[in-house]
């Protein structure tokens, strides 16, 4: 009977760990994806304004060709754009 109780406890622990990963995993993946997308948008940026507090506002074109604004750090964009 002791072995059955130990197996049940281990199963419960594994189920809890999987549930935690199922909740946290998508949040981490979404955050990384958004960070990568912001970096790509800043690399494609043009018509950047001056650097204020190490940030600048630039324009970029999205996948549909619409012009949108993005805030980039000053070191992500060239100063002469």
N, C-alpha and C. Protein backbone atom coordinates (compact mmCIF):
# COMPACT_ATOMS: atom_id res chain seq x y z
N UNK A 1 0.82 -1.19 0.00
CA UNK A 1 0.00 0.00 0.00
C UNK A 1 0.87 1.26 0.00
N UNK A 2 2.03 1.19 0.68
CA UNK A 2 2.91 2.35 0.70
C UNK A 2 3.37 2.71 -0.71
N UNK A 3 3.67 1.70 -1.50
CA UNK A 3 4.14 1.96 -2.86
C UNK A 3 3.07 2.63 -3.70
N UNK A 4 1.83 2.22 -3.52
CA UNK A 4 0.72 2.83 -4.28
C UNK A 4 0.55 4.29 -3.90
N UNK A 5 0.69 4.59 -2.62
CA UNK A 5 0.57 5.98 -2.17
C UNK A 5 1.70 6.82 -2.73
N UNK A 6 2.90 6.28 -2.75
CA UNK A 6 4.05 6.99 -3.31
C UNK A 6 3.87 7.26 -4.80
N UNK A 7 3.36 6.28 -5.52
CA UNK A 7 3.10 6.45 -6.95
C UNK A 7 2.06 7.53 -7.18
N UNK A 8 1.02 7.54 -6.38
CA UNK A 8 -0.04 8.54 -6.52
C UNK A 8 0.50 9.94 -6.24
N UNK A 9 1.36 10.05 -5.22
CA UNK A 9 1.95 11.34 -4.89
C UNK A 9 2.83 11.84 -6.04
N UNK A 10 3.64 10.97 -6.61
CA UNK A 10 4.50 11.37 -7.73
C UNK A 10 3.66 11.76 -8.94
N UNK A 11 2.60 11.04 -9.19
CA UNK A 11 1.72 11.37 -10.31
C UNK A 11 1.09 12.74 -10.10
N UNK A 12 0.66 13.01 -8.90
CA UNK A 12 0.06 14.31 -8.58
C UNK A 12 1.08 15.44 -8.78
N UNK A 13 2.31 15.22 -8.35
CA UNK A 13 3.35 16.23 -8.51
C UNK A 13 3.62 16.49 -9.99
N UNK A 14 3.69 15.43 -10.79
CA UNK A 14 3.94 15.59 -12.22
C UNK A 14 2.79 16.33 -12.89
N UNK A 15 1.56 16.01 -12.52
CA UNK A 15 0.40 16.69 -13.09
C UNK A 15 0.42 18.17 -12.74
N UNK A 16 0.76 18.53 -11.53
CA UNK A 16 0.84 19.93 -11.12
C UNK A 16 1.94 20.65 -11.90
N UNK A 17 3.08 20.03 -12.07
CA UNK A 17 4.18 20.65 -12.81
C UNK A 17 3.77 20.86 -14.27
N UNK A 18 3.13 19.90 -14.88
CA UNK A 18 2.67 20.05 -16.27
C UNK A 18 1.65 21.17 -16.37
N UNK A 19 0.75 21.28 -15.40
CA UNK A 19 -0.25 22.35 -15.41
C UNK A 19 0.41 23.72 -15.30
N UNK A 20 1.41 23.83 -14.45
CA UNK A 20 2.12 25.11 -14.31
C UNK A 20 2.83 25.47 -15.61
N UNK A 21 3.48 24.51 -16.23
CA UNK A 21 4.15 24.76 -17.51
C UNK A 21 3.16 25.12 -18.61
N UNK A 22 1.98 24.52 -18.58
CA UNK A 22 0.96 24.82 -19.58
C UNK A 22 0.45 26.25 -19.44
N UNK A 23 0.47 26.78 -18.24
CA UNK A 23 0.02 28.16 -18.03
C UNK A 23 1.14 29.15 -18.33
N UNK A 24 2.34 28.88 -17.87
CA UNK A 24 3.46 29.81 -18.01
C UNK A 24 4.08 29.76 -19.40
N UNK A 25 4.11 28.60 -20.03
CA UNK A 25 4.76 28.44 -21.34
C UNK A 25 4.27 29.41 -22.40
N UNK A 26 2.97 29.48 -22.65
CA UNK A 26 2.49 30.41 -23.68
C UNK A 26 2.80 31.88 -23.38
N UNK A 27 2.80 32.24 -22.12
CA UNK A 27 3.12 33.62 -21.75
C UNK A 27 4.56 33.94 -22.14
N UNK A 28 5.47 33.03 -21.85
CA UNK A 28 6.88 33.24 -22.19
C UNK A 28 7.07 33.28 -23.69
N UNK A 29 6.43 32.35 -24.40
CA UNK A 29 6.57 32.31 -25.86
C UNK A 29 6.02 33.58 -26.49
N UNK A 30 4.87 34.06 -26.03
CA UNK A 30 4.28 35.29 -26.55
C UNK A 30 5.19 36.49 -26.30
N UNK A 31 5.77 36.56 -25.10
CA UNK A 31 6.67 37.66 -24.76
C UNK A 31 7.90 37.67 -25.66
N UNK A 32 8.49 36.51 -25.87
CA UNK A 32 9.67 36.41 -26.74
C UNK A 32 9.29 36.79 -28.18
N UNK A 33 8.14 36.31 -28.64
CA UNK A 33 7.68 36.64 -29.99
C UNK A 33 7.47 38.14 -30.18
N UNK A 34 6.86 38.79 -29.20
CA UNK A 34 6.65 40.23 -29.28
C UNK A 34 7.97 40.99 -29.29
N UNK A 35 8.92 40.53 -28.50
CA UNK A 35 10.23 41.17 -28.45
C UNK A 35 10.95 41.05 -29.80
N UNK A 36 10.88 39.88 -30.39
CA UNK A 36 11.51 39.67 -31.70
C UNK A 36 10.83 40.54 -32.75
N UNK A 37 9.49 40.61 -32.73
CA UNK A 37 8.76 41.42 -33.71
C UNK A 37 9.12 42.90 -33.56
N UNK A 38 9.24 43.38 -32.34
CA UNK A 38 9.61 44.78 -32.12
C UNK A 38 11.02 45.05 -32.65
N UNK A 39 11.94 44.12 -32.45
CA UNK A 39 13.30 44.29 -32.95
C UNK A 39 13.32 44.32 -34.48
N UNK A 40 12.53 43.45 -35.12
CA UNK A 40 12.45 43.43 -36.58
C UNK A 40 11.86 44.74 -37.09
N UNK A 41 10.82 45.23 -36.43
CA UNK A 41 10.21 46.50 -36.84
C UNK A 41 11.20 47.65 -36.71
N UNK A 42 12.01 47.64 -35.67
CA UNK A 42 12.99 48.71 -35.50
C UNK A 42 14.10 48.63 -36.55
N UNK A 43 14.45 47.43 -36.97
CA UNK A 43 15.47 47.30 -38.01
C UNK A 43 14.95 47.79 -39.35
N UNK A 44 13.65 47.71 -39.56
CA UNK A 44 13.05 48.16 -40.82
C UNK A 44 12.54 49.60 -40.71
N UNK A 45 12.84 50.28 -39.63
CA UNK A 45 12.30 51.61 -39.37
C UNK A 45 12.94 52.67 -40.26
N UNK A 46 12.17 53.71 -40.50
CA UNK A 46 12.64 54.87 -41.26
C UNK A 46 11.96 56.11 -40.69
N UNK A 47 12.41 57.27 -41.13
CA UNK A 47 11.83 58.54 -40.71
C UNK A 47 11.81 58.66 -39.18
N UNK A 48 12.94 58.38 -38.56
CA UNK A 48 13.05 58.40 -37.10
C UNK A 48 13.19 59.81 -36.58
N UNK A 49 12.58 60.07 -35.44
CA UNK A 49 12.71 61.36 -34.78
C UNK A 49 13.97 61.35 -33.92
N UNK A 50 14.30 62.47 -33.33
CA UNK A 50 15.49 62.57 -32.49
C UNK A 50 15.40 61.69 -31.26
N UNK A 51 16.55 61.42 -30.69
CA UNK A 51 16.66 60.53 -29.54
C UNK A 51 16.32 61.31 -28.26
N UNK A 52 15.33 60.82 -27.51
CA UNK A 52 14.94 61.41 -26.24
C UNK A 52 14.86 60.29 -25.22
N UNK A 53 15.61 60.42 -24.13
CA UNK A 53 15.65 59.39 -23.09
C UNK A 53 15.99 58.01 -23.66
N UNK A 54 16.93 57.99 -24.59
CA UNK A 54 17.42 56.77 -25.23
C UNK A 54 16.34 56.04 -26.04
N UNK A 55 15.28 56.76 -26.42
CA UNK A 55 14.21 56.20 -27.25
C UNK A 55 13.93 57.16 -28.39
N UNK A 56 13.48 56.61 -29.51
CA UNK A 56 13.06 57.43 -30.63
C UNK A 56 11.86 56.78 -31.29
N UNK A 57 11.01 57.62 -31.86
CA UNK A 57 9.83 57.12 -32.57
C UNK A 57 10.13 57.09 -34.05
N UNK A 58 9.87 55.94 -34.67
CA UNK A 58 10.13 55.75 -36.09
C UNK A 58 8.87 55.21 -36.76
N UNK A 59 8.90 55.17 -38.07
CA UNK A 59 7.81 54.60 -38.85
C UNK A 59 8.30 53.30 -39.48
N UNK A 60 7.38 52.37 -39.70
CA UNK A 60 7.67 51.14 -40.43
C UNK A 60 6.40 50.72 -41.16
N UNK A 61 6.54 49.82 -42.11
CA UNK A 61 5.38 49.32 -42.83
C UNK A 61 5.10 47.90 -42.36
N UNK A 62 3.85 47.63 -42.00
CA UNK A 62 3.48 46.29 -41.56
C UNK A 62 3.30 45.36 -42.76
N UNK A 63 2.88 44.14 -42.50
CA UNK A 63 2.74 43.14 -43.56
C UNK A 63 1.73 43.54 -44.63
N UNK A 64 0.75 44.36 -44.26
CA UNK A 64 -0.28 44.80 -45.21
C UNK A 64 0.12 46.07 -45.95
N UNK A 65 1.28 46.63 -45.62
CA UNK A 65 1.76 47.84 -46.27
C UNK A 65 1.32 49.11 -45.59
N UNK A 66 0.63 48.99 -44.47
CA UNK A 66 0.19 50.17 -43.72
C UNK A 66 1.35 50.74 -42.93
N UNK A 67 1.42 52.05 -42.89
CA UNK A 67 2.49 52.72 -42.16
C UNK A 67 2.11 52.80 -40.69
N UNK A 68 2.99 52.37 -39.82
CA UNK A 68 2.75 52.38 -38.38
C UNK A 68 3.96 52.97 -37.67
N UNK A 69 3.75 53.41 -36.44
CA UNK A 69 4.86 53.94 -35.66
C UNK A 69 5.34 52.89 -34.66
N UNK A 70 6.61 52.98 -34.33
CA UNK A 70 7.22 52.07 -33.37
C UNK A 70 8.23 52.86 -32.56
N UNK A 71 8.34 52.53 -31.28
CA UNK A 71 9.33 53.18 -30.41
C UNK A 71 10.52 52.24 -30.30
N UNK A 72 11.69 52.75 -30.67
CA UNK A 72 12.92 51.96 -30.67
C UNK A 72 13.94 52.61 -29.75
N UNK A 73 14.88 51.82 -29.28
CA UNK A 73 15.99 52.42 -28.55
C UNK A 73 16.91 53.06 -29.57
N UNK A 74 17.64 54.06 -29.16
CA UNK A 74 18.48 54.81 -30.10
C UNK A 74 19.56 53.94 -30.72
N UNK A 75 20.04 52.91 -30.04
CA UNK A 75 21.08 52.07 -30.62
C UNK A 75 20.52 51.04 -31.59
N UNK A 76 19.19 50.86 -31.67
CA UNK A 76 18.60 49.92 -32.63
C UNK A 76 18.42 50.54 -34.01
N UNK A 77 18.48 51.85 -34.10
CA UNK A 77 18.30 52.53 -35.38
C UNK A 77 19.52 53.37 -35.68
N UNK A 78 19.79 53.60 -36.93
CA UNK A 78 20.89 54.47 -37.31
C UNK A 78 20.50 55.92 -37.07
N UNK A 79 21.45 56.73 -36.66
CA UNK A 79 21.16 58.12 -36.34
C UNK A 79 20.78 58.92 -37.59
N UNK A 80 21.21 58.49 -38.77
CA UNK A 80 20.96 59.28 -39.98
C UNK A 80 19.68 58.87 -40.71
N UNK A 81 18.88 58.01 -40.18
CA UNK A 81 17.64 57.62 -40.86
C UNK A 81 16.58 58.64 -40.66
